[in-house]
């Protein structure tokens, strides 16, 4: 398990402190060229389902329920999360959302940290 899990907007400048940069969105970020993204790994299958993403619509009032539903999805996607469980050092989960606090990368980071403490 990574020693540190961070989140960061994919449009923000890459930093050596990011460690392994992992995009966790289902769709490629609009307007971002692949060679500029500095992404080490794209785990699109661990992103929320299209149905959940549409339901959430980045509405902060739905955040708590979104996290609950997304965690249920993550529990079914454990095999796709193996690269994150196997990672060491710092892992930065990258997201495209404009909201830095209510997005799937934040929910995933919280879930991973809980997995780490449970083991």
PDB file of N, CA and C in Angstrom:
ATOM      1  N   UNK A   1       0.847  -1.177   0.000  1.00  0.00           N
ATOM      2  CA  UNK A   1       0.000   0.000   0.000  1.00  0.00           C
ATOM      3  C   UNK A   1       0.892   1.239   0.000  1.00  0.00           C
ATOM      4  N   UNK A   2       0.508   2.274  -0.742  1.00  0.00           N
ATOM      5  CA  UNK A   2       1.316   3.494  -0.769  1.00  0.00           C
ATOM      6  C   UNK A   2       1.500   4.067   0.636  1.00  0.00           C
ATOM      7  N   UNK A   3       2.649   4.667   0.860  1.00  0.00           N
ATOM      8  CA  UNK A   3       2.874   5.348   2.136  1.00  0.00           C
ATOM      9  C   UNK A   3       2.018   6.595   2.240  1.00  0.00           C
ATOM     10  N   UNK A   4       1.830   7.264   1.110  1.00  0.00           N
ATOM     11  CA  UNK A   4       1.033   8.483   1.107  1.00  0.00           C
ATOM     12  C   UNK A   4       0.136   8.472  -0.120  1.00  0.00           C
ATOM     13  N   UNK A   5      -1.126   8.822   0.083  1.00  0.00           N
ATOM     14  CA  UNK A   5      -2.081   8.945  -1.013  1.00  0.00           C
ATOM     15  C   UNK A   5      -2.528  10.395  -1.054  1.00  0.00           C
ATOM     16  N   UNK A   6      -2.340  11.000  -2.214  1.00  0.00           N
ATOM     17  CA  UNK A   6      -2.708  12.402  -2.401  1.00  0.00           C
ATOM     18  C   UNK A   6      -3.725  12.487  -3.527  1.00  0.00           C
ATOM     19  N   UNK A   7      -4.402  13.619  -3.618  1.00  0.00           N
ATOM     20  CA  UNK A   7      -5.276  13.893  -4.758  1.00  0.00           C
ATOM     21  C   UNK A   7      -4.864  15.227  -5.360  1.00  0.00           C
ATOM     22  N   UNK A   8      -5.114  15.346  -6.656  1.00  0.00           N
ATOM     23  CA  UNK A   8      -4.700  16.567  -7.345  1.00  0.00           C
ATOM     24  C   UNK A   8      -5.479  16.669  -8.653  1.00  0.00           C
ATOM     25  N   UNK A   9      -5.770  17.881  -9.030  1.00  0.00           N
ATOM     26  CA  UNK A   9      -6.443  18.092 -10.310  1.00  0.00           C
ATOM     27  C   UNK A   9      -5.447  17.805 -11.439  1.00  0.00           C
ATOM     28  N   UNK A  10      -5.861  17.045 -12.406  1.00  0.00           N
ATOM     29  CA  UNK A  10      -4.974  16.622 -13.487  1.00  0.00           C
ATOM     30  C   UNK A  10      -4.449  17.812 -14.290  1.00  0.00           C
ATOM     31  N   UNK A  11      -5.157  18.924 -14.281  1.00  0.00           N
ATOM     32  CA  UNK A  11      -4.732  20.111 -15.017  1.00  0.00           C
ATOM     33  C   UNK A  11      -3.650  20.901 -14.282  1.00  0.00           C
ATOM     34  N   UNK A  12      -3.439  20.598 -12.995  1.00  0.00           N
ATOM     35  CA  UNK A  12      -2.387  21.273 -12.237  1.00  0.00           C
ATOM     36  C   UNK A  12      -1.020  20.749 -12.677  1.00  0.00           C
ATOM     37  N   UNK A  13      -0.033  21.604 -12.566  1.00  0.00           N
ATOM     38  CA  UNK A  13       1.327  21.268 -12.993  1.00  0.00           C
ATOM     39  C   UNK A  13       1.852  20.044 -12.239  1.00  0.00           C
ATOM     40  N   UNK A  14       2.428  19.080 -12.963  1.00  0.00           N
ATOM     41  CA  UNK A  14       3.059  17.934 -12.296  1.00  0.00           C
ATOM     42  C   UNK A  14       4.204  18.393 -11.401  1.00  0.00           C
ATOM     43  N   UNK A  15       4.403  17.648 -10.321  1.00  0.00           N
ATOM     44  CA  UNK A  15       5.437  17.981  -9.352  1.00  0.00           C
ATOM     45  C   UNK A  15       6.139  16.672  -8.980  1.00  0.00           C
ATOM     46  N   UNK A  16       7.455  16.684  -8.819  1.00  0.00           N
ATOM     47  CA  UNK A  16       8.148  15.445  -8.423  1.00  0.00           C
ATOM     48  C   UNK A  16       7.589  14.839  -7.131  1.00  0.00           C
ATOM     49  N   UNK A  17       7.022  15.668  -6.252  1.00  0.00           N
ATOM     50  CA  UNK A  17       6.443  15.168  -5.005  1.00  0.00           C
ATOM     51  C   UNK A  17       5.183  14.334  -5.241  1.00  0.00           C
ATOM     52  N   UNK A  18       4.632  14.379  -6.473  1.00  0.00           N
ATOM     53  CA  UNK A  18       3.429  13.607  -6.785  1.00  0.00           C
ATOM     54  C   UNK A  18       3.680  12.104  -6.728  1.00  0.00           C
ATOM     55  N   UNK A  19       4.912  11.694  -6.916  1.00  0.00           N
ATOM     56  CA  UNK A  19       5.187  10.263  -6.972  1.00  0.00           C
ATOM     57  C   UNK A  19       4.541   9.651  -8.200  1.00  0.00           C
ATOM     58  N   UNK A  20       3.876   8.538  -8.034  1.00  0.00           N
ATOM     59  CA  UNK A  20       3.177   7.882  -9.144  1.00  0.00           C
ATOM     60  C   UNK A  20       1.855   8.609  -9.369  1.00  0.00           C
ATOM     61  N   UNK A  21       1.669   9.095 -10.585  1.00  0.00           N
ATOM     62  CA  UNK A  21       0.465   9.856 -10.935  1.00  0.00           C
ATOM     63  C   UNK A  21      -0.529   8.937 -11.627  1.00  0.00           C
ATOM     64  N   UNK A  22      -1.715   8.792 -11.016  1.00  0.00           N
ATOM     65  CA  UNK A  22      -2.719   7.847 -11.506  1.00  0.00           C
ATOM     66  C   UNK A  22      -4.024   8.589 -11.794  1.00  0.00           C
ATOM     67  N   UNK A  23      -4.418   8.600 -13.050  1.00  0.00           N
ATOM     68  CA  UNK A  23      -5.707   9.185 -13.434  1.00  0.00           C
ATOM     69  C   UNK A  23      -6.804   8.189 -13.079  1.00  0.00           C
ATOM     70  N   UNK A  24      -7.815   8.644 -12.321  1.00  0.00           N
ATOM     71  CA  UNK A  24      -8.879   7.745 -11.875  1.00  0.00           C
ATOM     72  C   UNK A  24     -10.243   8.179 -12.404  1.00  0.00           C
ATOM     73  N   UNK A  25     -10.264   8.896 -13.522  1.00  0.00           N
ATOM     74  CA  UNK A  25     -11.507   9.275 -14.185  1.00  0.00           C
ATOM     75  C   UNK A  25     -11.765   8.319 -15.342  1.00  0.00           C
ATOM     76  N   UNK A  26     -13.038   8.090 -15.639  1.00  0.00           N
ATOM     77  CA  UNK A  26     -13.412   7.191 -16.729  1.00  0.00           C
ATOM     78  C   UNK A  26     -13.100   7.818 -18.086  1.00  0.00           C
ATOM     79  N   UNK A  27     -13.271   9.132 -18.182  1.00  0.00           N
ATOM     80  CA  UNK A  27     -13.070   9.831 -19.443  1.00  0.00           C
ATOM     81  C   UNK A  27     -11.763  10.618 -19.404  1.00  0.00           C
ATOM     82  N   UNK A  28     -11.121  10.717 -20.579  1.00  0.00           N
ATOM     83  CA  UNK A  28      -9.898  11.512 -20.657  1.00  0.00           C
ATOM     84  C   UNK A  28     -10.264  12.984 -20.453  1.00  0.00           C
ATOM     85  N   UNK A  29      -9.459  13.739 -19.689  1.00  0.00           N
ATOM     86  CA  UNK A  29      -9.758  15.148 -19.412  1.00  0.00           C
ATOM     87  C   UNK A  29      -9.786  15.992 -20.684  1.00  0.00           C
ATOM     88  N   UNK A  30     -10.818  16.812 -20.801  1.00  0.00           N
ATOM     89  CA  UNK A  30     -10.989  17.676 -21.971  1.00  0.00           C
ATOM     90  C   UNK A  30      -9.807  18.628 -22.128  1.00  0.00           C
ATOM     91  N   UNK A  31      -9.317  18.726 -23.365  1.00  0.00           N
ATOM     92  CA  UNK A  31      -8.287  19.702 -23.696  1.00  0.00           C
ATOM     93  C   UNK A  31      -6.887  19.382 -23.206  1.00  0.00           C
ATOM     94  N   UNK A  32      -6.697  18.213 -22.626  1.00  0.00           N
ATOM     95  CA  UNK A  32      -5.377  17.855 -22.100  1.00  0.00           C
ATOM     96  C   UNK A  32      -4.714  16.856 -23.046  1.00  0.00           C
ATOM     97  N   UNK A  33      -3.535  17.216 -23.524  1.00  0.00           N
ATOM     98  CA  UNK A  33      -2.800  16.318 -24.403  1.00  0.00           C
ATOM     99  C   UNK A  33      -2.118  15.246 -23.569  1.00  0.00           C
ATOM    100  N   UNK A  34      -2.099  14.045 -24.079  1.00  0.00           N
ATOM    101  CA  UNK A  34      -1.534  12.922 -23.326  1.00  0.00           C
ATOM    102  C   UNK A  34      -0.074  13.148 -22.966  1.00  0.00           C
ATOM    103  N   UNK A  35       0.690  13.775 -23.853  1.00  0.00           N
ATOM    104  CA  UNK A  35       2.108  13.976 -23.545  1.00  0.00           C
ATOM    105  C   UNK A  35       2.320  15.079 -22.502  1.00  0.00           C
ATOM    106  N   UNK A  36       1.327  15.927 -22.273  1.00  0.00           N
ATOM    107  CA  UNK A  36       1.436  16.980 -21.258  1.00  0.00           C
ATOM    108  C   UNK A  36       0.916  16.533 -19.890  1.00  0.00           C
ATOM    109  N   UNK A  37       0.214  15.428 -19.842  1.00  0.00           N
ATOM    110  CA  UNK A  37      -0.479  15.025 -18.618  1.00  0.00           C
ATOM    111  C   UNK A  37       0.449  14.421 -17.565  1.00  0.00           C
ATOM    112  N   UNK A  38       1.580  13.871 -17.979  1.00  0.00           N
ATOM    113  CA  UNK A  38       2.520  13.237 -17.048  1.00  0.00           C
ATOM    114  C   UNK A  38       1.809  12.203 -16.181  1.00  0.00           C
ATOM    115  N   UNK A  39       1.021  11.357 -16.822  1.00  0.00           N
ATOM    116  CA  UNK A  39       0.262  10.322 -16.113  1.00  0.00           C
ATOM    117  C   UNK A  39       1.027   9.008 -16.234  1.00  0.00           C
ATOM    118  N   UNK A  40       1.243   8.369 -15.093  1.00  0.00           N
ATOM    119  CA  UNK A  40       1.936   7.080 -15.084  1.00  0.00           C
ATOM    120  C   UNK A  40       0.989   5.922 -15.355  1.00  0.00           C
ATOM    121  N   UNK A  41      -0.257   6.087 -14.942  1.00  0.00           N
ATOM    122  CA  UNK A  41      -1.222   4.994 -15.042  1.00  0.00           C
ATOM    123  C   UNK A  41      -2.617   5.590 -15.136  1.00  0.00           C
ATOM    124  N   UNK A  42      -3.456   4.988 -15.979  1.00  0.00           N
ATOM    125  CA  UNK A  42      -4.851   5.415 -16.092  1.00  0.00           C
ATOM    126  C   UNK A  42      -5.715   4.234 -15.698  1.00  0.00           C
ATOM    127  N   UNK A  43      -6.385   4.338 -14.561  1.00  0.00           N
ATOM    128  CA  UNK A  43      -7.260   3.278 -14.074  1.00  0.00           C
ATOM    129  C   UNK A  43      -8.721   3.685 -14.271  1.00  0.00           C
ATOM    130  N   UNK A  44      -9.151   3.726 -15.511  1.00  0.00           N
ATOM    131  CA  UNK A  44     -10.508   4.189 -15.815  1.00  0.00           C
ATOM    132  C   UNK A  44     -11.579   3.271 -15.246  1.00  0.00           C
ATOM    133  N   UNK A  45     -11.249   1.989 -15.073  1.00  0.00           N
ATOM    134  CA  UNK A  45     -12.260   1.047 -14.591  1.00  0.00           C
ATOM    135  C   UNK A  45     -12.557   1.182 -13.100  1.00  0.00           C
ATOM    136  N   UNK A  46     -11.754   1.936 -12.355  1.00  0.00           N
ATOM    137  CA  UNK A  46     -12.051   2.157 -10.939  1.00  0.00           C
ATOM    138  C   UNK A  46     -12.868   3.435 -10.736  1.00  0.00           C
ATOM    139  N   UNK A  47     -13.119   4.154 -11.814  1.00  0.00           N
ATOM    140  CA  UNK A  47     -13.950   5.357 -11.733  1.00  0.00           C
ATOM    141  C   UNK A  47     -15.395   4.956 -11.443  1.00  0.00           C
ATOM    142  N   UNK A  48     -16.189   5.884 -10.955  1.00  0.00           N
ATOM    143  CA  UNK A  48     -17.602   5.578 -10.734  1.00  0.00           C
ATOM    144  C   UNK A  48     -18.277   5.183 -12.044  1.00  0.00           C
ATOM    145  N   UNK A  49     -19.287   4.357 -11.942  1.00  0.00           N
ATOM    146  CA  UNK A  49     -20.044   3.971 -13.134  1.00  0.00           C
ATOM    147  C   UNK A  49     -20.637   5.221 -13.787  1.00  0.00           C
ATOM    148  N   UNK A  50     -20.939   5.105 -15.065  1.00  0.00           N
ATOM    149  CA  UNK A  50     -21.536   6.233 -15.785  1.00  0.00           C
ATOM    150  C   UNK A  50     -22.844   6.649 -15.115  1.00  0.00           C
ATOM    151  N   UNK A  51     -23.623   5.664 -14.656  1.00  0.00           N
ATOM    152  CA  UNK A  51     -24.903   5.969 -14.010  1.00  0.00           C
ATOM    153  C   UNK A  51     -24.686   6.760 -12.718  1.00  0.00           C
ATOM    154  N   UNK A  52     -23.721   6.341 -11.913  1.00  0.00           N
ATOM    155  CA  UNK A  52     -23.455   7.032 -10.653  1.00  0.00           C
ATOM    156  C   UNK A  52     -22.908   8.434 -10.912  1.00  0.00           C
ATOM    157  N   UNK A  53     -22.028   8.538 -11.871  1.00  0.00           N
ATOM    158  CA  UNK A  53     -21.452   9.849 -12.206  1.00  0.00           C
ATOM    159  C   UNK A  53     -22.549  10.819 -12.650  1.00  0.00           C
ATOM    160  N   UNK A  54     -23.456  10.343 -13.502  1.00  0.00           N
ATOM    161  CA  UNK A  54     -24.555  11.201 -13.966  1.00  0.00           C
ATOM    162  C   UNK A  54     -25.470  11.586 -12.804  1.00  0.00           C
ATOM    163  N   UNK A  55     -25.796  10.625 -11.935  1.00  0.00           N
ATOM    164  CA  UNK A  55     -26.659  10.904 -10.790  1.00  0.00           C
ATOM    165  C   UNK A  55     -26.038  11.962  -9.882  1.00  0.00           C
ATOM    166  N   UNK A  56     -24.745  11.820  -9.600  1.00  0.00           N
ATOM    167  CA  UNK A  56     -24.056  12.748  -8.705  1.00  0.00           C
ATOM    168  C   UNK A  56     -24.024  14.152  -9.302  1.00  0.00           C
ATOM    169  N   UNK A  57     -23.619  14.263 -10.550  1.00  0.00           N
ATOM    170  CA  UNK A  57     -23.577  15.554 -11.222  1.00  0.00           C
ATOM    171  C   UNK A  57     -22.769  16.614 -10.491  1.00  0.00           C
ATOM    172  N   UNK A  58     -21.811  16.193  -9.666  1.00  0.00           N
ATOM    173  CA  UNK A  58     -20.955  17.092  -8.875  1.00  0.00           C
ATOM    174  C   UNK A  58     -21.774  18.018  -7.974  1.00  0.00           C
ATOM    175  N   UNK A  59     -22.914  17.511  -7.508  1.00  0.00           N
ATOM    176  CA  UNK A  59     -23.773  18.267  -6.596  1.00  0.00           C
ATOM    177  C   UNK A  59     -23.316  17.996  -5.160  1.00  0.00           C
ATOM    178  N   UNK A  60     -22.735  18.999  -4.481  1.00  0.00           N
ATOM    179  CA  UNK A  60     -22.237  18.782  -3.116  1.00  0.00           C
ATOM    180  C   UNK A  60     -23.295  18.234  -2.159  1.00  0.00           C
ATOM    181  N   UNK A  61     -24.578  18.519  -2.422  1.00  0.00           N
ATOM    182  CA  UNK A  61     -25.635  18.000  -1.553  1.00  0.00           C
ATOM    183  C   UNK A  61     -25.759  16.481  -1.666  1.00  0.00           C
ATOM    184  N   UNK A  62     -25.244  15.917  -2.745  1.00  0.00           N
ATOM    185  CA  UNK A  62     -25.315  14.463  -2.945  1.00  0.00           C
ATOM    186  C   UNK A  62     -24.005  13.755  -2.557  1.00  0.00           C
ATOM    187  N   UNK A  63     -23.043  14.506  -2.037  1.00  0.00           N
ATOM    188  CA  UNK A  63     -21.710  13.971  -1.765  1.00  0.00           C
ATOM    189  C   UNK A  63     -21.732  12.749  -0.851  1.00  0.00           C
ATOM    190  N   UNK A  64     -22.415  12.826   0.267  1.00  0.00           N
ATOM    191  CA  UNK A  64     -22.431  11.720   1.226  1.00  0.00           C
ATOM    192  C   UNK A  64     -22.996  10.457   0.591  1.00  0.00           C
ATOM    193  N   UNK A  65     -24.100  10.595  -0.117  1.00  0.00           N
ATOM    194  CA  UNK A  65     -24.705   9.426  -0.771  1.00  0.00           C
ATOM    195  C   UNK A  65     -23.835   8.941  -1.930  1.00  0.00           C
ATOM    196  N   UNK A  66     -23.221   9.867  -2.658  1.00  0.00           N
ATOM    197  CA  UNK A  66     -22.301   9.474  -3.728  1.00  0.00           C
ATOM    198  C   UNK A  66     -21.183   8.600  -3.173  1.00  0.00           C
ATOM    199  N   UNK A  67     -20.568   9.045  -2.060  1.00  0.00           N
ATOM    200  CA  UNK A  67     -19.466   8.278  -1.463  1.00  0.00           C
ATOM    201  C   UNK A  67     -19.939   6.887  -1.059  1.00  0.00           C
ATOM    202  N   UNK A  68     -21.108   6.801  -0.466  1.00  0.00           N
ATOM    203  CA  UNK A  68     -21.640   5.498  -0.058  1.00  0.00           C
ATOM    204  C   UNK A  68     -21.805   4.572  -1.263  1.00  0.00           C
ATOM    205  N   UNK A  69     -22.406   5.097  -2.319  1.00  0.00           N
ATOM    206  CA  UNK A  69     -22.629   4.288  -3.534  1.00  0.00           C
ATOM    207  C   UNK A  69     -21.305   3.934  -4.221  1.00  0.00           C
ATOM    208  N   UNK A  70     -20.385   4.885  -4.253  1.00  0.00           N
ATOM    209  CA  UNK A  70     -19.097   4.642  -4.907  1.00  0.00           C
ATOM    210  C   UNK A  70     -18.304   3.588  -4.141  1.00  0.00           C
ATOM    211  N   UNK A  71     -18.318   3.630  -2.825  1.00  0.00           N
ATOM    212  CA  UNK A  71     -17.626   2.619  -2.014  1.00  0.00           C
ATOM    213  C   UNK A  71     -18.203   1.231  -2.319  1.00  0.00           C
ATOM    214  N   UNK A  72     -19.512   1.146  -2.483  1.00  0.00           N
ATOM    215  CA  UNK A  72     -20.121  -0.142  -2.847  1.00  0.00           C
ATOM    216  C   UNK A  72     -19.579  -0.617  -4.192  1.00  0.00           C
ATOM    217  N   UNK A  73     -19.406   0.304  -5.137  1.00  0.00           N
ATOM    218  CA  UNK A  73     -18.819  -0.065  -6.429  1.00  0.00           C
ATOM    219  C   UNK A  73     -17.361  -0.486  -6.263  1.00  0.00           C
ATOM    220  N   UNK A  74     -16.612   0.249  -5.445  1.00  0.00           N
ATOM    221  CA  UNK A  74     -15.198  -0.078  -5.237  1.00  0.00           C
ATOM    222  C   UNK A  74     -15.036  -1.474  -4.636  1.00  0.00           C
ATOM    223  N   UNK A  75     -15.923  -1.829  -3.734  1.00  0.00           N
ATOM    224  CA  UNK A  75     -15.847  -3.158  -3.129  1.00  0.00           C
ATOM    225  C   UNK A  75     -16.000  -4.260  -4.172  1.00  0.00           C
ATOM    226  N   UNK A  76     -16.689  -3.952  -5.271  1.00  0.00           N
ATOM    227  CA  UNK A  76     -16.855  -4.930  -6.359  1.00  0.00           C
ATOM    228  C   UNK A  76     -15.730  -4.845  -7.392  1.00  0.00           C
ATOM    229  N   UNK A  77     -14.888  -3.814  -7.309  1.00  0.00           N
ATOM    230  CA  UNK A  77     -13.830  -3.584  -8.304  1.00  0.00           C
ATOM    231  C   UNK A  77     -12.438  -3.827  -7.728  1.00  0.00           C
ATOM    232  N   UNK A  78     -12.333  -4.575  -6.664  1.00  0.00           N
ATOM    233  CA  UNK A  78     -11.043  -4.732  -5.974  1.00  0.00           C
ATOM    234  C   UNK A  78      -9.924  -5.201  -6.901  1.00  0.00           C
ATOM    235  N   UNK A  79     -10.220  -6.076  -7.843  1.00  0.00           N
ATOM    236  CA  UNK A  79      -9.168  -6.570  -8.746  1.00  0.00           C
ATOM    237  C   UNK A  79      -8.564  -5.429  -9.556  1.00  0.00           C
ATOM    238  N   UNK A  80      -9.380  -4.483  -9.988  1.00  0.00           N
ATOM    239  CA  UNK A  80      -8.887  -3.347 -10.761  1.00  0.00           C
ATOM    240  C   UNK A  80      -8.061  -2.372  -9.942  1.00  0.00           C
ATOM    241  N   UNK A  81      -8.151  -2.500  -8.618  1.00  0.00           N
ATOM    242  CA  UNK A  81      -7.411  -1.615  -7.721  1.00  0.00           C
ATOM    243  C   UNK A  81      -6.051  -2.175  -7.330  1.00  0.00           C
ATOM    244  N   UNK A  82      -5.725  -3.364  -7.807  1.00  0.00           N
ATOM    245  CA  UNK A  82      -4.467  -4.012  -7.443  1.00  0.00           C
ATOM    246  C   UNK A  82      -3.249  -3.104  -7.642  1.00  0.00           C
ATOM    247  N   UNK A  83      -3.145  -2.352  -8.751  1.00  0.00           N
ATOM    248  CA  UNK A  83      -1.976  -1.471  -8.894  1.00  0.00           C
ATOM    249  C   UNK A  83      -1.847  -0.452  -7.756  1.00  0.00           C
ATOM    250  N   UNK A  84      -2.971  -0.024  -7.198  1.00  0.00           N
ATOM    251  CA  UNK A  84      -2.910   0.919  -6.086  1.00  0.00           C
ATOM    252  C   UNK A  84      -2.528   0.215  -4.783  1.00  0.00           C
ATOM    253  N   UNK A  85      -3.034  -0.992  -4.597  1.00  0.00           N
ATOM    254  CA  UNK A  85      -2.681  -1.751  -3.398  1.00  0.00           C
ATOM    255  C   UNK A  85      -1.193  -2.139  -3.417  1.00  0.00           C
ATOM    256  N   UNK A  86      -0.656  -2.374  -4.607  1.00  0.00           N
ATOM    257  CA  UNK A  86       0.738  -2.795  -4.742  1.00  0.00           C
ATOM    258  C   UNK A  86       1.728  -1.637  -4.747  1.00  0.00           C
ATOM    259  N   UNK A  87       1.240  -0.425  -4.926  1.00  0.00           N
ATOM    260  CA  UNK A  87       2.114   0.740  -5.043  1.00  0.00           C
ATOM    261  C   UNK A  87       2.827   1.020  -3.721  1.00  0.00           C
ATOM    262  N   UNK A  88       4.026   1.567  -3.859  1.00  0.00           N
ATOM    263  CA  UNK A  88       4.781   2.014  -2.689  1.00  0.00           C
ATOM    264  C   UNK A  88       5.111   3.487  -2.894  1.00  0.00           C
ATOM    265  N   UNK A  89       5.543   4.144  -1.851  1.00  0.00           N
ATOM    266  CA  UNK A  89       5.864   5.565  -1.967  1.00  0.00           C
ATOM    267  C   UNK A  89       4.598   6.386  -2.051  1.00  0.00           C
ATOM    268  N   UNK A  90       4.686   7.498  -2.727  1.00  0.00           N
ATOM    269  CA  UNK A  90       3.551   8.413  -2.858  1.00  0.00           C
ATOM    270  C   UNK A  90       2.786   8.109  -4.136  1.00  0.00           C
ATOM    271  N   UNK A  91       1.465   8.088  -4.026  1.00  0.00           N
ATOM    272  CA  UNK A  91       0.583   7.950  -5.181  1.00  0.00           C
ATOM    273  C   UNK A  91      -0.344   9.154  -5.180  1.00  0.00           C
ATOM    274  N   UNK A  92      -0.420   9.832  -6.314  1.00  0.00           N
ATOM    275  CA  UNK A  92      -1.333  10.957  -6.465  1.00  0.00           C
ATOM    276  C   UNK A  92      -2.449  10.550  -7.407  1.00  0.00           C
ATOM    277  N   UNK A  93      -3.671  10.564  -6.881  1.00  0.00           N
ATOM    278  CA  UNK A  93      -4.863  10.246  -7.668  1.00  0.00           C
ATOM    279  C   UNK A  93      -5.309  11.519  -8.365  1.00  0.00           C
ATOM    280  N   UNK A  94      -5.357  11.464  -9.680  1.00  0.00           N
ATOM    281  CA  UNK A  94      -5.661  12.637 -10.497  1.00  0.00           C
ATOM    282  C   UNK A  94      -7.116  12.635 -10.940  1.00  0.00           C
ATOM    283  N   UNK A  95      -7.726  13.815 -10.918  1.00  0.00           N
ATOM    284  CA  UNK A  95      -9.123  13.982 -11.313  1.00  0.00           C
ATOM    285  C   UNK A  95      -9.257  15.241 -12.155  1.00  0.00           C
ATOM    286  N   UNK A  96     -10.327  15.321 -12.941  1.00  0.00           N
ATOM    287  CA  UNK A  96     -10.558  16.484 -13.795  1.00  0.00           C
ATOM    288  C   UNK A  96     -11.579  17.458 -13.196  1.00  0.00           C
ATOM    289  N   UNK A  97     -12.355  17.032 -12.257  1.00  0.00           N
ATOM    290  CA  UNK A  97     -13.413  17.859 -11.663  1.00  0.00           C
ATOM    291  C   UNK A  97     -12.878  19.206 -11.197  1.00  0.00           C
ATOM    292  N   UNK A  98     -13.716  20.227 -11.302  1.00  0.00           N
ATOM    293  CA  UNK A  98     -13.337  21.550 -10.794  1.00  0.00           C
ATOM    294  C   UNK A  98     -13.441  21.624  -9.271  1.00  0.00           C
ATOM    295  N   UNK A  99     -14.208  20.716  -8.696  1.00  0.00           N
ATOM    296  CA  UNK A  99     -14.414  20.711  -7.244  1.00  0.00           C
ATOM    297  C   UNK A  99     -13.333  19.858  -6.584  1.00  0.00           C
ATOM    298  N   UNK A 100     -12.407  20.470  -5.847  1.00  0.00           N
ATOM    299  CA  UNK A 100     -11.299  19.713  -5.265  1.00  0.00           C
ATOM    300  C   UNK A 100     -11.683  18.864  -4.054  1.00  0.00           C
ATOM    301  N   UNK A 101     -12.881  19.073  -3.516  1.00  0.00           N
ATOM    302  CA  UNK A 101     -13.276  18.381  -2.296  1.00  0.00           C
ATOM    303  C   UNK A 101     -14.315  17.283  -2.497  1.00  0.00           C
ATOM    304  N   UNK A 102     -15.124  17.395  -3.540  1.00  0.00           N
ATOM    305  CA  UNK A 102     -16.223  16.458  -3.775  1.00  0.00           C
ATOM    306  C   UNK A 102     -16.074  15.807  -5.140  1.00  0.00           C
ATOM    307  N   UNK A 103     -15.169  14.841  -5.232  1.00  0.00           N
ATOM    308  CA  UNK A 103     -14.947  14.146  -6.491  1.00  0.00           C
ATOM    309  C   UNK A 103     -14.524  12.705  -6.199  1.00  0.00           C
ATOM    310  N   UNK A 104     -14.529  11.890  -7.218  1.00  0.00           N
ATOM    311  CA  UNK A 104     -14.257  10.463  -7.020  1.00  0.00           C
ATOM    312  C   UNK A 104     -12.837  10.180  -6.519  1.00  0.00           C
ATOM    313  N   UNK A 105     -11.863  11.008  -6.875  1.00  0.00           N
ATOM    314  CA  UNK A 105     -10.492  10.770  -6.399  1.00  0.00           C
ATOM    315  C   UNK A 105     -10.416  10.944  -4.886  1.00  0.00           C
ATOM    316  N   UNK A 106     -11.111  11.935  -4.357  1.00  0.00           N
ATOM    317  CA  UNK A 106     -11.135  12.155  -2.910  1.00  0.00           C
ATOM    318  C   UNK A 106     -11.804  10.966  -2.222  1.00  0.00           C
ATOM    319  N   UNK A 107     -12.941  10.526  -2.764  1.00  0.00           N
ATOM    320  CA  UNK A 107     -13.646   9.375  -2.178  1.00  0.00           C
ATOM    321  C   UNK A 107     -12.779   8.119  -2.259  1.00  0.00           C
ATOM    322  N   UNK A 108     -12.093   7.928  -3.369  1.00  0.00           N
ATOM    323  CA  UNK A 108     -11.219   6.763  -3.525  1.00  0.00           C
ATOM    324  C   UNK A 108     -10.050   6.828  -2.545  1.00  0.00           C
ATOM    325  N   UNK A 109      -9.455   8.000  -2.381  1.00  0.00           N
ATOM    326  CA  UNK A 109      -8.340   8.150  -1.434  1.00  0.00           C
ATOM    327  C   UNK A 109      -8.799   7.811  -0.017  1.00  0.00           C
ATOM    328  N   UNK A 110      -9.968   8.307   0.380  1.00  0.00           N
ATOM    329  CA  UNK A 110     -10.501   7.996   1.710  1.00  0.00           C
ATOM    330  C   UNK A 110     -10.696   6.489   1.871  1.00  0.00           C
ATOM    331  N   UNK A 111     -11.254   5.861   0.860  1.00  0.00           N
ATOM    332  CA  UNK A 111     -11.509   4.416   0.901  1.00  0.00           C
ATOM    333  C   UNK A 111     -10.196   3.641   1.005  1.00  0.00           C
ATOM    334  N   UNK A 112      -9.201   4.029   0.193  1.00  0.00           N
ATOM    335  CA  UNK A 112      -7.906   3.349   0.234  1.00  0.00           C
ATOM    336  C   UNK A 112      -7.240   3.484   1.597  1.00  0.00           C
ATOM    337  N   UNK A 113      -7.310   4.663   2.173  1.00  0.00           N
ATOM    338  CA  UNK A 113      -6.730   4.873   3.492  1.00  0.00           C
ATOM    339  C   UNK A 113      -7.421   4.000   4.530  1.00  0.00           C
ATOM    340  N   UNK A 114      -8.726   3.826   4.387  1.00  0.00           N
ATOM    341  CA  UNK A 114      -9.461   2.932   5.279  1.00  0.00           C
ATOM    342  C   UNK A 114      -9.063   1.477   5.091  1.00  0.00           C
ATOM    343  N   UNK A 115      -8.773   1.089   3.860  1.00  0.00           N
ATOM    344  CA  UNK A 115      -8.324  -0.271   3.573  1.00  0.00           C
ATOM    345  C   UNK A 115      -6.968  -0.516   4.213  1.00  0.00           C
ATOM    346  N   UNK A 116      -6.128   0.515   4.136  1.00  0.00           N
ATOM    347  CA  UNK A 116      -4.783   0.427   4.697  1.00  0.00           C
ATOM    348  C   UNK A 116      -4.833   0.243   6.207  1.00  0.00           C
ATOM    349  N   UNK A 117      -5.712   0.963   6.872  1.00  0.00           N
ATOM    350  CA  UNK A 117      -5.797   0.862   8.333  1.00  0.00           C
ATOM    351  C   UNK A 117      -6.479  -0.418   8.770  1.00  0.00           C
ATOM    352  N   UNK A 118      -7.277  -1.007   7.863  1.00  0.00           N
ATOM    353  CA  UNK A 118      -7.973  -2.251   8.209  1.00  0.00           C
ATOM    354  C   UNK A 118      -7.063  -3.462   8.077  1.00  0.00           C
ATOM    355  N   UNK A 119      -5.955  -3.320   7.358  1.00  0.00           N
ATOM    356  CA  UNK A 119      -5.086  -4.478   7.138  1.00  0.00           C
ATOM    357  C   UNK A 119      -4.013  -4.604   8.202  1.00  0.00           C
TER     358      UNK A 119
END
